[in-house]
C-alpha atoms as a PDB file:
ATOM      1  CA  MET A   1     104.273 108.699 124.329  1.00  0.00           C
ATOM      2  CA  SER A   2     105.369 105.463 122.691  1.00  0.00           C
ATOM      3  CA  VAL A   3     101.979 103.891 123.481  1.00  0.00           C
ATOM      4  CA  VAL A   4     100.294 106.494 121.302  1.00  0.00           C
ATOM      5  CA  ALA A   5     102.887 105.969 118.555  1.00  0.00           C
ATOM      6  CA  THR A   6     102.418 102.177 118.710  1.00  0.00           C
ATOM      7  CA  GLU A   7      98.644 102.555 118.428  1.00  0.00           C
ATOM      8  CA  ARG A   8      99.050 104.949 115.506  1.00  0.00           C
ATOM      9  CA  ILE A   9     101.394 102.557 113.701  1.00  0.00           C
ATOM     10  CA  GLU A  10      98.909  99.715 114.182  1.00  0.00           C
ATOM     11  CA  ARG A  11      96.066 101.890 112.866  1.00  0.00           C
ATOM     12  CA  LEU A  12      98.138 102.894 109.826  1.00  0.00           C
ATOM     13  CA  ARG A  13      98.887  99.212 109.171  1.00  0.00           C
ATOM     14  CA  ALA A  14      95.164  98.468 109.144  1.00  0.00           C
ATOM     15  CA  LEU A  15      94.497 101.427 106.828  1.00  0.00           C
ATOM     16  CA  ALA A  16      97.306 100.362 104.466  1.00  0.00           C
ATOM     17  CA  ARG A  17      95.970  96.816 104.384  1.00  0.00           C
ATOM     18  CA  GLU A  18      92.448  98.021 103.596  1.00  0.00           C
ATOM     19  CA  ALA A  19      93.694 100.406 100.901  1.00  0.00           C
ATOM     20  CA  ALA A  20      95.733  97.632  99.274  1.00  0.00           C
ATOM     21  CA  ARG A  21      92.730  95.303  99.429  1.00  0.00           C
ATOM     22  CA  THR A  22      90.626  97.789  97.474  1.00  0.00           C
ATOM     23  CA  GLY A  23      93.421  98.384  94.947  1.00  0.00           C
ATOM     24  CA  GLU A  24      94.465 101.864  96.117  1.00  0.00           C
ATOM     25  CA  PHE A  25      98.191 101.108  96.231  1.00  0.00           C
ATOM     26  CA  ASP A  26      99.241 104.786  96.254  1.00  0.00           C
ATOM     27  CA  ARG A  27      97.169 105.415  99.367  1.00  0.00           C
ATOM     28  CA  ALA A  28      98.590 102.258 100.988  1.00  0.00           C
ATOM     29  CA  ARG A  29     102.092 103.493 100.169  1.00  0.00           C
ATOM     30  CA  GLU A  30     101.434 106.803 101.974  1.00  0.00           C
ATOM     31  CA  HIS A  31     100.172 104.959 105.067  1.00  0.00           C
ATOM     32  CA  VAL A  32     103.293 102.770 105.116  1.00  0.00           C
ATOM     33  CA  ARG A  33     105.612 105.768 104.747  1.00  0.00           C
ATOM     34  CA  LEU A  34     103.870 107.632 107.550  1.00  0.00           C
ATOM     35  CA  ALA A  35     104.045 104.604 109.853  1.00  0.00           C
ATOM     36  CA  ARG A  36     107.773 104.234 109.149  1.00  0.00           C
ATOM     37  CA  ARG A  37     108.372 107.912 109.921  1.00  0.00           C
ATOM     38  CA  ILE A  38     106.479 107.649 113.217  1.00  0.00           C
ATOM     39  CA  ALA A  39     108.490 104.569 114.197  1.00  0.00           C
ATOM     40  CA  GLU A  40     111.716 106.355 113.292  1.00  0.00           C
ATOM     41  CA  ARG A  41     110.819 109.467 115.231  1.00  0.00           C
ATOM     42  CA  HIS A  42     109.917 107.527 118.374  1.00  0.00           C
ATOM     43  CA  ARG A  43     112.744 104.989 117.992  1.00  0.00           C
ATOM     44  CA  LEU A  44     110.365 102.067 117.726  1.00  0.00           C
ATOM     45  CA  SER A  45     110.695  98.998 115.577  1.00  0.00           C
ATOM     46  CA  LEU A  46     107.820  98.130 113.308  1.00  0.00           C
ATOM     47  CA  PRO A  47     105.874  94.997 114.221  1.00  0.00           C
ATOM     48  CA  ARG A  48     106.979  91.869 112.370  1.00  0.00           C
ATOM     49  CA  ARG A  49     103.661  91.424 110.562  1.00  0.00           C
ATOM     50  CA  PHE A  50     103.999  95.001 109.310  1.00  0.00           C
ATOM     51  CA  ARG A  51     107.614  94.580 108.123  1.00  0.00           C
ATOM     52  CA  ARG A  52     106.874  91.305 106.342  1.00  0.00           C
ATOM     53  CA  PHE A  53     104.042  92.790 104.296  1.00  0.00           C
ATOM     54  CA  THR A  54     105.711  95.998 103.120  1.00  0.00           C
ATOM     55  CA  CYS A  55     108.218  96.468 100.329  1.00  0.00           C
ATOM     56  CA  ASP A  56     111.493  98.057 101.415  1.00  0.00           C
ATOM     57  CA  ARG A  57     112.105  99.592  98.003  1.00  0.00           C
ATOM     58  CA  CYS A  58     108.743 101.108  97.011  1.00  0.00           C
ATOM     59  CA  ASP A  59     106.943 101.168 100.432  1.00  0.00           C
ATOM     60  CA  VAL A  60     103.776  99.523  99.130  1.00  0.00           C
ATOM     61  CA  TYR A  61     101.725  97.162 101.306  1.00  0.00           C
ATOM     62  CA  LEU A  62     102.127  93.698  99.788  1.00  0.00           C
ATOM     63  CA  ARG A  63      99.182  91.479  98.932  1.00  0.00           C
ATOM     64  CA  PRO A  64     100.167  88.020  97.710  1.00  0.00           C
ATOM     65  CA  GLY A  65      98.602  87.409  94.326  1.00  0.00           C
ATOM     66  CA  ALA A  66      97.804  91.083  93.722  1.00  0.00           C
ATOM     67  CA  ASN A  67     101.155  92.886  93.819  1.00  0.00           C
ATOM     68  CA  ALA A  68     103.499  90.311  95.339  1.00  0.00           C
ATOM     69  CA  ARG A  69     104.667  86.812  94.515  1.00  0.00           C
ATOM     70  CA  VAL A  70     105.354  84.428  97.402  1.00  0.00           C
ATOM     71  CA  ARG A  71     107.403  81.270  96.976  1.00  0.00           C
ATOM     72  CA  LEU A  72     108.442  78.667  99.522  1.00  0.00           C
ATOM     73  CA  ARG A  73     112.016  77.456  99.321  1.00  0.00           C
ATOM     74  CA  PRO A  74     113.762  75.053 101.681  1.00  0.00           C
ATOM     75  CA  GLY A  75     114.195  76.978 104.905  1.00  0.00           C
ATOM     76  CA  ARG A  76     112.901  80.337 103.660  1.00  0.00           C
ATOM     77  CA  VAL A  77     110.007  82.268 102.185  1.00  0.00           C
ATOM     78  CA  VAL A  78     110.814  84.435  99.154  1.00  0.00           C
ATOM     79  CA  VAL A  79     108.570  87.459  98.541  1.00  0.00           C
ATOM     80  CA  ARG A  80     108.984  89.445  95.321  1.00  0.00           C
ATOM     81  CA  CYS A  81     107.218  92.768  94.851  1.00  0.00           C
ATOM     82  CA  ASP A  82     106.027  94.054  91.468  1.00  0.00           C
ATOM     83  CA  CYS A  83     108.848  96.628  91.586  1.00  0.00           C
ATOM     84  CA  GLY A  84     111.370  93.766  91.551  1.00  0.00           C
ATOM     85  CA  ALA A  85     112.502  93.911  95.180  1.00  0.00           C
ATOM     86  CA  THR A  86     113.008  90.535  96.842  1.00  0.00           C
ATOM     87  CA  ALA A  87     112.751  89.751 100.551  1.00  0.00           C
ATOM     88  CA  ARG A  88     113.691  86.436 102.125  1.00  0.00           C
ATOM     89  CA  TYR A  89     112.467  85.299 105.522  1.00  0.00           C
ATOM     90  CA  PRO A  90     113.385  82.124 107.383  1.00  0.00           C
ATOM     91  CA  HIS A  91     110.743  79.545 108.193  1.00  0.00           C
ATOM     92  CA  SER A  92     110.929  76.263 110.021  1.00  0.00           C
ATOM     93  CA  GLY A  93     108.114  74.475 108.214  1.00  0.00           C
ATOM     94  CA  ARG A  94     108.648  71.533 105.899  1.00  0.00           C
ATOM     95  CA  THR A  95     108.228  71.880 102.183  1.00  0.00           C
ATOM     96  CA  ASP A  96     107.119  68.648 100.602  1.00  0.00           C
ATOM     97  CA  THR A  97     108.140  68.256  97.012  1.00  0.00           C
ATOM     98  CA  LYS A  98     106.721  65.397  95.008  1.00  0.00           C
ATOM     99  CA  GLU A  99     109.066  64.093  92.378  1.00  0.00           C
END
């Protein structure tokens, strides 16, 4: 049963991404909410690439430059949604700053 749920979550991620690409953020939000409910019901965790590109507050699929701002800070990536929610993720890459 979890194989079907995993496939459905992946399909909903693709649909949310496509909807956000075309500017239909309400439709993308519904796809994200449905995927989260399926994961909850089947006690699955969402894939990392899905969690990193969704807003925890408003459930919209994030597109850098369209409805999200992405900034690199030393040791972390800061993603801010248009609703004002901020997410921080660690990264191991170097950030070169020219002064």
